[in-house]
C-alpha atoms as a PDB file:
ATOM      1  CA  UNK A   1      -7.412  18.961 -34.816  1.00  0.00           C
ATOM      2  CA  UNK A   2      -6.662  15.171 -32.645  1.00  0.00           C
ATOM      3  CA  UNK A   3      -8.665  15.819 -30.366  1.00  0.00           C
ATOM      4  CA  UNK A   4     -12.513  13.902 -29.968  1.00  0.00           C
ATOM      5  CA  UNK A   5     -15.097  13.151 -27.878  1.00  0.00           C
ATOM      6  CA  UNK A   6     -15.308  10.128 -26.025  1.00  0.00           C
ATOM      7  CA  UNK A   7     -17.712   8.618 -28.345  1.00  0.00           C
ATOM      8  CA  UNK A   8     -15.786  10.188 -31.419  1.00  0.00           C
ATOM      9  CA  UNK A   9     -12.818   8.129 -30.338  1.00  0.00           C
ATOM     10  CA  UNK A  10     -14.491   4.912 -29.578  1.00  0.00           C
ATOM     11  CA  UNK A  11     -16.254   5.361 -33.179  1.00  0.00           C
ATOM     12  CA  UNK A  12     -12.810   5.467 -35.071  1.00  0.00           C
ATOM     13  CA  UNK A  13     -11.534   2.817 -33.114  1.00  0.00           C
ATOM     14  CA  UNK A  14     -13.989   0.558 -33.873  1.00  0.00           C
ATOM     15  CA  UNK A  15     -14.385   0.880 -37.048  1.00  0.00           C
ATOM     16  CA  UNK A  16     -11.057   0.668 -38.047  1.00  0.00           C
ATOM     17  CA  UNK A  17     -10.845   4.363 -39.476  1.00  0.00           C
ATOM     18  CA  UNK A  18      -7.997   5.672 -36.953  1.00  0.00           C
ATOM     19  CA  UNK A  19      -5.651   4.768 -34.411  1.00  0.00           C
ATOM     20  CA  UNK A  20      -6.390   6.112 -30.982  1.00  0.00           C
ATOM     21  CA  UNK A  21      -4.465   6.794 -27.709  1.00  0.00           C
ATOM     22  CA  UNK A  22      -5.793   7.038 -23.990  1.00  0.00           C
ATOM     23  CA  UNK A  23      -4.403   7.072 -20.741  1.00  0.00           C
ATOM     24  CA  UNK A  24      -4.050   3.774 -18.444  1.00  0.00           C
ATOM     25  CA  UNK A  25      -2.620   3.253 -15.318  1.00  0.00           C
ATOM     26  CA  UNK A  26       0.833   2.921 -16.611  1.00  0.00           C
ATOM     27  CA  UNK A  27       1.919   5.228 -19.531  1.00  0.00           C
ATOM     28  CA  UNK A  28      -0.800   6.446 -22.604  1.00  0.00           C
ATOM     29  CA  UNK A  29      -1.591   3.414 -24.986  1.00  0.00           C
ATOM     30  CA  UNK A  30      -1.746   3.538 -28.846  1.00  0.00           C
ATOM     31  CA  UNK A  31      -4.414   1.496 -29.964  1.00  0.00           C
ATOM     32  CA  UNK A  32      -5.827  -0.268 -32.454  1.00  0.00           C
ATOM     33  CA  UNK A  33      -8.499  -2.642 -33.092  1.00  0.00           C
ATOM     34  CA  UNK A  34      -6.706  -6.184 -33.703  1.00  0.00           C
ATOM     35  CA  UNK A  35      -6.664  -6.309 -38.046  1.00  0.00           C
ATOM     36  CA  UNK A  36      -5.523  -2.715 -37.859  1.00  0.00           C
ATOM     37  CA  UNK A  37      -1.870  -3.724 -36.078  1.00  0.00           C
ATOM     38  CA  UNK A  38      -0.169  -2.690 -38.664  1.00  0.00           C
ATOM     39  CA  UNK A  39      -0.646   0.839 -38.441  1.00  0.00           C
ATOM     40  CA  UNK A  40       0.926   0.936 -35.163  1.00  0.00           C
ATOM     41  CA  UNK A  41       4.173  -0.544 -36.759  1.00  0.00           C
ATOM     42  CA  UNK A  42       4.088   2.161 -38.746  1.00  0.00           C
ATOM     43  CA  UNK A  43       3.349   4.672 -36.707  1.00  0.00           C
ATOM     44  CA  UNK A  44       6.047   4.087 -34.105  1.00  0.00           C
ATOM     45  CA  UNK A  45       8.327   2.472 -36.851  1.00  0.00           C
ATOM     46  CA  UNK A  46       8.356  -0.439 -34.590  1.00  0.00           C
ATOM     47  CA  UNK A  47      10.096  -3.860 -35.454  1.00  0.00           C
ATOM     48  CA  UNK A  48       7.265  -5.774 -36.616  1.00  0.00           C
ATOM     49  CA  UNK A  49       8.723  -9.069 -34.381  1.00  0.00           C
ATOM     50  CA  UNK A  50       8.214  -7.240 -31.245  1.00  0.00           C
ATOM     51  CA  UNK A  51       4.866  -8.401 -29.685  1.00  0.00           C
ATOM     52  CA  UNK A  52       1.690  -6.170 -28.803  1.00  0.00           C
ATOM     53  CA  UNK A  53      -0.090  -6.231 -25.599  1.00  0.00           C
ATOM     54  CA  UNK A  54      -4.176  -7.335 -26.321  1.00  0.00           C
ATOM     55  CA  UNK A  55      -6.110  -4.958 -23.278  1.00  0.00           C
ATOM     56  CA  UNK A  56      -9.288  -6.067 -22.667  1.00  0.00           C
ATOM     57  CA  UNK A  57     -12.411  -4.227 -20.557  1.00  0.00           C
ATOM     58  CA  UNK A  58     -12.682  -7.213 -18.352  1.00  0.00           C
ATOM     59  CA  UNK A  59     -10.799 -10.715 -18.425  1.00  0.00           C
ATOM     60  CA  UNK A  60     -13.552 -12.195 -19.971  1.00  0.00           C
ATOM     61  CA  UNK A  61     -13.249 -10.282 -22.748  1.00  0.00           C
ATOM     62  CA  UNK A  62      -9.802 -11.167 -23.233  1.00  0.00           C
ATOM     63  CA  UNK A  63     -10.157 -15.269 -22.755  1.00  0.00           C
ATOM     64  CA  UNK A  64     -11.164 -16.542 -26.003  1.00  0.00           C
ATOM     65  CA  UNK A  65      -7.570 -15.439 -27.230  1.00  0.00           C
ATOM     66  CA  UNK A  66      -6.019 -18.002 -24.829  1.00  0.00           C
ATOM     67  CA  UNK A  67      -5.744 -21.491 -25.573  1.00  0.00           C
ATOM     68  CA  UNK A  68      -7.604 -24.132 -23.596  1.00  0.00           C
ATOM     69  CA  UNK A  69      -5.295 -25.698 -21.090  1.00  0.00           C
ATOM     70  CA  UNK A  70      -7.128 -28.014 -18.820  1.00  0.00           C
ATOM     71  CA  UNK A  71      -3.681 -28.073 -16.468  1.00  0.00           C
ATOM     72  CA  UNK A  72      -3.366 -24.308 -16.558  1.00  0.00           C
ATOM     73  CA  UNK A  73      -6.709 -22.623 -17.310  1.00  0.00           C
ATOM     74  CA  UNK A  74      -7.543 -22.378 -13.251  1.00  0.00           C
ATOM     75  CA  UNK A  75      -4.547 -21.212 -12.141  1.00  0.00           C
ATOM     76  CA  UNK A  76      -4.206 -18.316 -15.275  1.00  0.00           C
ATOM     77  CA  UNK A  77      -7.963 -17.213 -14.151  1.00  0.00           C
ATOM     78  CA  UNK A  78      -6.883 -17.168 -10.792  1.00  0.00           C
ATOM     79  CA  UNK A  79      -4.661 -14.799 -10.892  1.00  0.00           C
ATOM     80  CA  UNK A  80      -6.201 -13.131 -13.151  1.00  0.00           C
ATOM     81  CA  UNK A  81      -9.144 -12.614 -11.022  1.00  0.00           C
ATOM     82  CA  UNK A  82      -6.296 -11.080  -8.047  1.00  0.00           C
ATOM     83  CA  UNK A  83      -4.540  -8.427 -10.365  1.00  0.00           C
ATOM     84  CA  UNK A  84      -6.711  -7.420 -12.654  1.00  0.00           C
ATOM     85  CA  UNK A  85      -7.395  -4.399 -13.194  1.00  0.00           C
ATOM     86  CA  UNK A  86      -3.911  -3.651 -12.771  1.00  0.00           C
ATOM     87  CA  UNK A  87      -0.518  -3.506 -13.922  1.00  0.00           C
ATOM     88  CA  UNK A  88       0.083  -7.145 -14.834  1.00  0.00           C
ATOM     89  CA  UNK A  89       0.498  -8.252 -18.389  1.00  0.00           C
ATOM     90  CA  UNK A  90       0.196 -11.841 -18.747  1.00  0.00           C
ATOM     91  CA  UNK A  91       1.807 -13.738 -21.174  1.00  0.00           C
ATOM     92  CA  UNK A  92      -0.029 -16.950 -22.178  1.00  0.00           C
ATOM     93  CA  UNK A  93      -0.416 -19.665 -25.203  1.00  0.00           C
ATOM     94  CA  UNK A  94      -2.296 -18.535 -27.929  1.00  0.00           C
ATOM     95  CA  UNK A  95      -5.519 -20.293 -28.751  1.00  0.00           C
ATOM     96  CA  UNK A  96      -6.076 -21.628 -32.771  1.00  0.00           C
ATOM     97  CA  UNK A  97      -9.266 -20.744 -32.750  1.00  0.00           C
ATOM     98  CA  UNK A  98      -8.893 -16.820 -31.423  1.00  0.00           C
ATOM     99  CA  UNK A  99     -10.600 -13.898 -33.261  1.00  0.00           C
ATOM    100  CA  UNK A 100      -9.057 -12.474 -36.349  1.00  0.00           C
ATOM    101  CA  UNK A 101      -5.800 -11.430 -35.200  1.00  0.00           C
ATOM    102  CA  UNK A 102      -2.685 -11.264 -37.348  1.00  0.00           C
ATOM    103  CA  UNK A 103      -0.750 -14.864 -36.815  1.00  0.00           C
ATOM    104  CA  UNK A 104       2.942 -12.308 -36.615  1.00  0.00           C
ATOM    105  CA  UNK A 105       1.451 -10.793 -33.119  1.00  0.00           C
ATOM    106  CA  UNK A 106       1.798 -13.411 -31.760  1.00  0.00           C
ATOM    107  CA  UNK A 107       5.275 -14.142 -29.788  1.00  0.00           C
ATOM    108  CA  UNK A 108       7.479 -16.589 -31.795  1.00  0.00           C
ATOM    109  CA  UNK A 109       6.048 -19.592 -29.237  1.00  0.00           C
ATOM    110  CA  UNK A 110       2.459 -18.985 -29.930  1.00  0.00           C
ATOM    111  CA  UNK A 111       1.684 -16.171 -26.994  1.00  0.00           C
ATOM    112  CA  UNK A 112      -0.086 -13.483 -26.592  1.00  0.00           C
ATOM    113  CA  UNK A 113      -0.006 -10.970 -24.098  1.00  0.00           C
ATOM    114  CA  UNK A 114      -2.851 -10.050 -22.294  1.00  0.00           C
ATOM    115  CA  UNK A 115      -4.005  -6.874 -19.709  1.00  0.00           C
ATOM    116  CA  UNK A 116      -7.055  -5.485 -18.172  1.00  0.00           C
ATOM    117  CA  UNK A 117      -5.840  -2.263 -17.054  1.00  0.00           C
ATOM    118  CA  UNK A 118      -7.126  -0.145 -13.490  1.00  0.00           C
ATOM    119  CA  UNK A 119      -8.268   2.720 -15.797  1.00  0.00           C
ATOM    120  CA  UNK A 120     -11.177   3.798 -15.775  1.00  0.00           C
ATOM    121  CA  UNK A 121     -11.136   5.879 -18.963  1.00  0.00           C
ATOM    122  CA  UNK A 122      -9.313   2.895 -20.947  1.00  0.00           C
ATOM    123  CA  UNK A 123     -11.795   0.449 -19.682  1.00  0.00           C
ATOM    124  CA  UNK A 124     -15.030   2.030 -20.319  1.00  0.00           C
ATOM    125  CA  UNK A 125     -13.511   2.594 -24.281  1.00  0.00           C
ATOM    126  CA  UNK A 126     -12.381  -1.003 -24.564  1.00  0.00           C
ATOM    127  CA  UNK A 127     -15.735  -2.375 -22.779  1.00  0.00           C
ATOM    128  CA  UNK A 128     -17.395  -0.377 -26.447  1.00  0.00           C
ATOM    129  CA  UNK A 129     -14.566  -1.373 -28.509  1.00  0.00           C
ATOM    130  CA  UNK A 130     -13.561  -5.022 -27.553  1.00  0.00           C
ATOM    131  CA  UNK A 131     -10.229  -5.849 -26.878  1.00  0.00           C
ATOM    132  CA  UNK A 132      -7.953  -3.891 -28.465  1.00  0.00           C
ATOM    133  CA  UNK A 133      -4.148  -4.322 -29.244  1.00  0.00           C
ATOM    134  CA  UNK A 134      -1.948  -1.261 -27.389  1.00  0.00           C
ATOM    135  CA  UNK A 135       1.403  -0.232 -26.902  1.00  0.00           C
ATOM    136  CA  UNK A 136       3.118   3.159 -25.158  1.00  0.00           C
ATOM    137  CA  UNK A 137       3.003   5.930 -27.526  1.00  0.00           C
ATOM    138  CA  UNK A 138       6.559   6.809 -28.984  1.00  0.00           C
ATOM    139  CA  UNK A 139       8.385   6.159 -31.352  1.00  0.00           C
ATOM    140  CA  UNK A 140      10.529   3.408 -31.476  1.00  0.00           C
ATOM    141  CA  UNK A 141      12.863   3.476 -28.962  1.00  0.00           C
ATOM    142  CA  UNK A 142      12.311   7.164 -27.917  1.00  0.00           C
ATOM    143  CA  UNK A 143      10.234   7.392 -23.962  1.00  0.00           C
ATOM    144  CA  UNK A 144       7.089   7.080 -23.780  1.00  0.00           C
ATOM    145  CA  UNK A 145       4.783  10.403 -24.250  1.00  0.00           C
ATOM    146  CA  UNK A 146       3.157  11.321 -21.092  1.00  0.00           C
ATOM    147  CA  UNK A 147       0.816  14.315 -21.841  1.00  0.00           C
ATOM    148  CA  UNK A 148      -2.127  14.961 -24.247  1.00  0.00           C
ATOM    149  CA  UNK A 149      -0.428  17.796 -25.662  1.00  0.00           C
ATOM    150  CA  UNK A 150       2.557  15.885 -26.481  1.00  0.00           C
ATOM    151  CA  UNK A 151       0.532  13.160 -28.115  1.00  0.00           C
ATOM    152  CA  UNK A 152      -0.889  15.685 -30.417  1.00  0.00           C
ATOM    153  CA  UNK A 153       1.818  17.570 -31.431  1.00  0.00           C
ATOM    154  CA  UNK A 154       4.023  14.230 -32.153  1.00  0.00           C
ATOM    155  CA  UNK A 155       1.292  11.738 -33.518  1.00  0.00           C
ATOM    156  CA  UNK A 156      -1.358  14.641 -35.307  1.00  0.00           C
ATOM    157  CA  UNK A 157      -3.507  11.628 -36.926  1.00  0.00           C
ATOM    158  CA  UNK A 158      -4.229   9.771 -33.860  1.00  0.00           C
ATOM    159  CA  UNK A 159      -7.118  10.271 -32.248  1.00  0.00           C
ATOM    160  CA  UNK A 160      -7.134  11.637 -27.867  1.00  0.00           C
ATOM    161  CA  UNK A 161      -9.847  13.063 -25.491  1.00  0.00           C
ATOM    162  CA  UNK A 162      -9.281  16.661 -24.552  1.00  0.00           C
ATOM    163  CA  UNK A 163      -7.767  17.377 -21.021  1.00  0.00           C
ATOM    164  CA  UNK A 164     -10.644  17.909 -19.904  1.00  0.00           C
ATOM    165  CA  UNK A 165     -12.264  15.717 -20.966  1.00  0.00           C
ATOM    166  CA  UNK A 166     -10.315  12.885 -18.958  1.00  0.00           C
ATOM    167  CA  UNK A 167     -10.187  14.652 -15.702  1.00  0.00           C
ATOM    168  CA  UNK A 168     -13.890  14.684 -15.778  1.00  0.00           C
ATOM    169  CA  UNK A 169     -13.779  10.872 -15.615  1.00  0.00           C
ATOM    170  CA  UNK A 170     -11.413  10.765 -12.537  1.00  0.00           C
ATOM    171  CA  UNK A 171      -7.842  10.096 -14.295  1.00  0.00           C
ATOM    172  CA  UNK A 172      -4.809  11.511 -15.105  1.00  0.00           C
ATOM    173  CA  UNK A 173      -3.513  11.657 -18.480  1.00  0.00           C
ATOM    174  CA  UNK A 174      -0.024  10.750 -17.660  1.00  0.00           C
ATOM    175  CA  UNK A 175      -0.576   7.178 -15.654  1.00  0.00           C
ATOM    176  CA  UNK A 176       1.631   6.393 -13.151  1.00  0.00           C
ATOM    177  CA  UNK A 177       4.759   6.258 -15.696  1.00  0.00           C
ATOM    178  CA  UNK A 178       5.664   2.919 -15.010  1.00  0.00           C
ATOM    179  CA  UNK A 179       5.672  -0.042 -17.297  1.00  0.00           C
ATOM    180  CA  UNK A 180       3.164  -3.006 -16.467  1.00  0.00           C
ATOM    181  CA  UNK A 181       4.789  -6.038 -15.152  1.00  0.00           C
ATOM    182  CA  UNK A 182       5.040  -8.923 -17.363  1.00  0.00           C
ATOM    183  CA  UNK A 183       5.162 -12.172 -16.754  1.00  0.00           C
ATOM    184  CA  UNK A 184       5.034 -15.328 -19.061  1.00  0.00           C
ATOM    185  CA  UNK A 185       3.563 -19.060 -18.382  1.00  0.00           C
ATOM    186  CA  UNK A 186       5.507 -21.785 -19.064  1.00  0.00           C
ATOM    187  CA  UNK A 187       4.913 -25.738 -17.983  1.00  0.00           C
ATOM    188  CA  UNK A 188       7.480 -25.391 -15.466  1.00  0.00           C
ATOM    189  CA  UNK A 189       6.209 -21.992 -13.742  1.00  0.00           C
ATOM    190  CA  UNK A 190       6.211 -18.464 -14.553  1.00  0.00           C
ATOM    191  CA  UNK A 191       8.681 -16.776 -16.359  1.00  0.00           C
ATOM    192  CA  UNK A 192       9.434 -12.735 -15.060  1.00  0.00           C
ATOM    193  CA  UNK A 193      10.179 -10.920 -18.700  1.00  0.00           C
ATOM    194  CA  UNK A 194       9.570  -7.069 -17.006  1.00  0.00           C
ATOM    195  CA  UNK A 195       9.648  -6.346 -14.173  1.00  0.00           C
ATOM    196  CA  UNK A 196       7.140  -3.075 -13.567  1.00  0.00           C
ATOM    197  CA  UNK A 197       5.260  -1.540 -10.616  1.00  0.00           C
ATOM    198  CA  UNK A 198       3.673  -5.046  -9.541  1.00  0.00           C
ATOM    199  CA  UNK A 199       6.203  -7.225  -7.514  1.00  0.00           C
ATOM    200  CA  UNK A 200       4.592 -10.736  -9.204  1.00  0.00           C
ATOM    201  CA  UNK A 201       4.922 -14.067  -6.765  1.00  0.00           C
ATOM    202  CA  UNK A 202       3.678 -17.434  -8.049  1.00  0.00           C
ATOM    203  CA  UNK A 203       1.800 -17.456  -4.538  1.00  0.00           C
ATOM    204  CA  UNK A 204      -0.692 -15.033  -6.246  1.00  0.00           C
ATOM    205  CA  UNK A 205      -1.813 -18.486  -7.443  1.00  0.00           C
END
């Protein structure tokens, strides 16, 4: 049975023995410790050239993965302060000294996508596991799965919480169903890669 307690889900993700799925403010996530990203690609049958998103419980947990760019760091942090937790993914230059993460998970231009979700369940898990690589839970090319029952049926080896445990924490297992908005920083401004639930404006900075 893939459903486990909150502590069981945290333990499986933290020690790297399992993949886990948990609600977010967008769609449920498929998550793994950064050094086990290969398991996400195998499970989703996903093209390894497609990068994953690194989620953290707070912005401070994610900045060690980002390159230090004095001319831009203050702007990145100002935007993060305004929109996180929330459904905006920031694609920023990856630090060469970042904590261990497979090199091929940064995009080809050495960037990394970062997000702090507006979901208490997700942030509570991430606070105990540390940042996790995430993506929607579905096989590549198929719609994201929205319910725990569907996740358990399609991916019986992936750890999940019970619907009752999720409800007890005041969250919906389905999320909004809308993807996060994804923006990439460039030296000439922000590049909108995906329009999601958040309307991004450079005036945020």
